[in-house]
Structures are given as C-alpha cells and as structure tokens.
Amino acid sequence: MEAVITQLVFDHALRLPKGHGDDSEGKQNANIVGKVSNLVTSDLANITTAKNSLFLCKLILLLHLLKRRD
C-alpha cells in the first residue's frame, strides 16, 4: 500500500519541465525531487500511524461491545 501511494505521488509531483542544458535548472529540479521525497516519507509515516491508531480504536470498541453481550 505504501509503495503504491509513494509511486502515485512521485508520478504526479515530479512532472517537471525538462531543462535545456542549463545546469542551474538541473540543480533546482534535483532540489525539488529531494523536497518531495522528504515530504512523501513523512506524510506516509503519518498516514500509516493514523491507520494503525484507527484499527486499534476499532478493535477496542469491538472488544468492549463483545464483552457487554456476555
């Protein structure tokens, strides 16, 4: 799941205009790639943590409801 999200973000975000041999544009594009990579990594970690927390809450609620039935 994480690999799919990462690939989709990179496919969309890294559609950069091609440089015309200008070295400063190449460095600027590399800088943008690094920034996007860092953002994707941190956002993906937050999404995973939220998903795990939501699963834990659902599990606790389910256990509580099952306990009440007894």
N, C-alpha and C. Protein backbone atom coordinates (compact mmCIF):
# COMPACT_ATOMS: atom_id res chain seq x y z
N MET A 1 0.83 -1.19 0.00
CA MET A 1 0.00 0.00 0.00
C MET A 1 0.87 1.25 0.00
N GLU A 2 1.90 1.26 0.84
CA GLU A 2 2.77 2.43 0.92
C GLU A 2 3.51 2.66 -0.40
N ALA A 3 3.91 1.57 -1.03
CA ALA A 3 4.63 1.69 -2.30
C ALA A 3 3.74 2.29 -3.38
N VAL A 4 2.48 1.92 -3.39
CA VAL A 4 1.54 2.45 -4.38
C VAL A 4 1.34 3.95 -4.18
N ILE A 5 1.14 4.36 -2.93
CA ILE A 5 0.95 5.79 -2.64
C ILE A 5 2.20 6.58 -3.02
N THR A 6 3.36 6.06 -2.66
CA THR A 6 4.61 6.73 -2.99
C THR A 6 4.75 6.89 -4.50
N GLN A 7 4.50 5.83 -5.24
CA GLN A 7 4.62 5.89 -6.70
C GLN A 7 3.65 6.88 -7.31
N LEU A 8 2.42 6.91 -6.82
CA LEU A 8 1.44 7.87 -7.34
C LEU A 8 1.86 9.31 -7.09
N VAL A 9 2.37 9.57 -5.90
CA VAL A 9 2.82 10.94 -5.57
C VAL A 9 3.98 11.34 -6.46
N PHE A 10 4.96 10.45 -6.63
CA PHE A 10 6.09 10.77 -7.47
C PHE A 10 5.69 10.95 -8.93
N ASP A 11 4.81 10.10 -9.42
CA ASP A 11 4.36 10.24 -10.80
C ASP A 11 3.69 11.59 -11.04
N HIS A 12 2.93 12.03 -10.07
CA HIS A 12 2.21 13.30 -10.22
C HIS A 12 3.12 14.51 -9.95
N ALA A 13 3.85 14.46 -8.86
CA ALA A 13 4.60 15.63 -8.42
C ALA A 13 5.88 15.89 -9.20
N LEU A 14 6.44 14.87 -9.78
CA LEU A 14 7.75 15.05 -10.42
C LEU A 14 7.66 15.27 -11.92
N ARG A 15 6.51 15.73 -12.36
CA ARG A 15 6.38 16.09 -13.78
C ARG A 15 6.98 17.49 -13.96
N LEU A 16 8.28 17.52 -14.00
CA LEU A 16 9.00 18.79 -14.09
C LEU A 16 9.35 19.09 -15.54
N PRO A 17 9.38 20.35 -15.88
CA PRO A 17 9.80 20.69 -17.24
C PRO A 17 11.26 20.30 -17.44
N LYS A 18 11.55 19.79 -18.60
CA LYS A 18 12.93 19.38 -18.92
C LYS A 18 13.80 20.61 -19.10
N GLY A 19 14.99 20.56 -18.52
CA GLY A 19 15.93 21.66 -18.68
C GLY A 19 16.50 21.69 -20.09
N HIS A 20 16.94 22.83 -20.52
CA HIS A 20 17.51 22.98 -21.86
C HIS A 20 19.03 23.02 -21.76
N GLY A 21 19.58 22.10 -20.97
CA GLY A 21 21.03 22.08 -20.82
C GLY A 21 21.52 23.04 -19.76
N ASP A 22 20.64 23.74 -19.11
CA ASP A 22 21.02 24.71 -18.08
C ASP A 22 21.30 23.97 -16.79
N ASP A 23 22.52 24.11 -16.28
CA ASP A 23 22.94 23.38 -15.08
C ASP A 23 22.19 23.84 -13.84
N SER A 24 21.83 25.13 -13.76
CA SER A 24 21.11 25.63 -12.58
C SER A 24 19.70 25.04 -12.52
N GLU A 25 19.07 24.82 -13.67
CA GLU A 25 17.74 24.19 -13.68
C GLU A 25 17.83 22.75 -13.21
N GLY A 26 18.88 22.06 -13.60
CA GLY A 26 19.09 20.67 -13.17
C GLY A 26 19.25 20.58 -11.67
N LYS A 27 20.01 21.50 -11.09
CA LYS A 27 20.19 21.53 -9.63
C LYS A 27 18.88 21.87 -8.93
N GLN A 28 18.12 22.80 -9.51
CA GLN A 28 16.84 23.19 -8.93
C GLN A 28 15.86 22.01 -8.97
N ASN A 29 15.84 21.27 -10.07
CA ASN A 29 14.98 20.10 -10.18
C ASN A 29 15.38 19.02 -9.18
N ALA A 30 16.68 18.83 -9.00
CA ALA A 30 17.16 17.84 -8.03
C ALA A 30 16.76 18.25 -6.61
N ASN A 31 16.79 19.56 -6.34
CA ASN A 31 16.38 20.07 -5.03
C ASN A 31 14.90 19.80 -4.80
N ILE A 32 14.08 20.00 -5.83
CA ILE A 32 12.64 19.75 -5.71
C ILE A 32 12.38 18.27 -5.48
N VAL A 33 13.12 17.42 -6.18
CA VAL A 33 12.97 15.97 -6.00
C VAL A 33 13.28 15.59 -4.57
N GLY A 34 14.31 16.15 -3.99
CA GLY A 34 14.66 15.87 -2.60
C GLY A 34 13.58 16.33 -1.63
N LYS A 35 13.03 17.51 -1.88
CA LYS A 35 11.96 18.02 -1.02
C LYS A 35 10.72 17.14 -1.09
N VAL A 36 10.33 16.75 -2.30
CA VAL A 36 9.16 15.89 -2.46
C VAL A 36 9.39 14.55 -1.78
N SER A 37 10.58 14.02 -1.92
CA SER A 37 10.91 12.74 -1.29
C SER A 37 10.77 12.82 0.23
N ASN A 38 11.28 13.88 0.81
CA ASN A 38 11.16 14.06 2.27
C ASN A 38 9.71 14.21 2.70
N LEU A 39 8.93 14.97 1.95
CA LEU A 39 7.53 15.16 2.29
C LEU A 39 6.74 13.86 2.17
N VAL A 40 7.00 13.11 1.12
CA VAL A 40 6.29 11.84 0.93
C VAL A 40 6.60 10.90 2.08
N THR A 41 7.86 10.82 2.46
CA THR A 41 8.26 9.92 3.54
C THR A 41 7.57 10.28 4.85
N SER A 42 7.57 11.56 5.20
CA SER A 42 6.95 11.95 6.47
C SER A 42 5.43 11.82 6.42
N ASP A 43 4.81 12.18 5.30
CA ASP A 43 3.36 12.04 5.17
C ASP A 43 2.94 10.57 5.19
N LEU A 44 3.72 9.74 4.56
CA LEU A 44 3.41 8.31 4.54
C LEU A 44 3.51 7.72 5.94
N ALA A 45 4.48 8.16 6.70
CA ALA A 45 4.60 7.69 8.09
C ALA A 45 3.39 8.13 8.91
N ASN A 46 2.93 9.35 8.69
CA ASN A 46 1.74 9.84 9.41
C ASN A 46 0.49 9.07 9.01
N ILE A 47 0.35 8.77 7.73
CA ILE A 47 -0.81 8.01 7.27
C ILE A 47 -0.81 6.61 7.89
N THR A 48 0.35 5.98 7.91
CA THR A 48 0.46 4.63 8.47
C THR A 48 0.14 4.64 9.96
N THR A 49 0.65 5.63 10.67
CA THR A 49 0.38 5.74 12.11
C THR A 49 -1.11 5.96 12.36
N ALA A 50 -1.73 6.81 11.56
CA ALA A 50 -3.17 7.06 11.73
C ALA A 50 -3.98 5.81 11.43
N LYS A 51 -3.58 5.09 10.41
CA LYS A 51 -4.28 3.85 10.05
C LYS A 51 -4.19 2.84 11.19
N ASN A 52 -3.01 2.71 11.76
CA ASN A 52 -2.82 1.77 12.87
C ASN A 52 -3.61 2.20 14.10
N SER A 53 -3.64 3.50 14.36
CA SER A 53 -4.40 4.01 15.51
C SER A 53 -5.89 3.78 15.34
N LEU A 54 -6.38 4.00 14.13
CA LEU A 54 -7.80 3.78 13.85
C LEU A 54 -8.15 2.30 14.01
N PHE A 55 -7.28 1.42 13.54
CA PHE A 55 -7.51 -0.01 13.71
C PHE A 55 -7.56 -0.38 15.18
N LEU A 56 -6.67 0.17 15.98
CA LEU A 56 -6.65 -0.11 17.41
C LEU A 56 -7.94 0.37 18.08
N CYS A 57 -8.41 1.55 17.72
CA CYS A 57 -9.67 2.06 18.27
C CYS A 57 -10.85 1.16 17.91
N LYS A 58 -10.88 0.72 16.66
CA LYS A 58 -11.95 -0.19 16.24
C LYS A 58 -11.89 -1.49 17.02
N LEU A 59 -10.70 -2.00 17.23
CA LEU A 59 -10.54 -3.25 17.96
C LEU A 59 -10.99 -3.11 19.41
N ILE A 60 -10.64 -2.02 20.06
CA ILE A 60 -11.05 -1.79 21.44
C ILE A 60 -12.57 -1.67 21.52
N LEU A 61 -13.17 -0.95 20.60
CA LEU A 61 -14.62 -0.80 20.58
C LEU A 61 -15.30 -2.15 20.37
N LEU A 62 -14.80 -2.94 19.45
CA LEU A 62 -15.36 -4.26 19.20
C LEU A 62 -15.25 -5.17 20.42
N LEU A 63 -14.10 -5.16 21.07
CA LEU A 63 -13.93 -5.97 22.28
C LEU A 63 -14.88 -5.51 23.39
N HIS A 64 -15.05 -4.20 23.52
CA HIS A 64 -15.96 -3.65 24.52
C HIS A 64 -17.40 -4.09 24.25
N LEU A 65 -17.81 -4.04 22.98
CA LEU A 65 -19.16 -4.46 22.63
C LEU A 65 -19.38 -5.95 22.84
N LEU A 66 -18.37 -6.74 22.52
CA LEU A 66 -18.49 -8.18 22.74
C LEU A 66 -18.54 -8.51 24.22
N LYS A 67 -17.83 -7.77 25.02
CA LYS A 67 -17.82 -8.00 26.47
C LYS A 67 -19.20 -7.68 27.07
N ARG A 68 -19.85 -6.65 26.53
CA ARG A 68 -21.19 -6.27 27.03
C ARG A 68 -22.24 -7.33 26.71
N ARG A 69 -22.04 -8.06 25.64
CA ARG A 69 -23.01 -9.08 25.25
C ARG A 69 -23.06 -10.25 26.23
N ASP A 70 -21.94 -10.47 26.90
CA ASP A 70 -21.88 -11.62 27.85
C ASP A 70 -22.58 -11.37 29.14
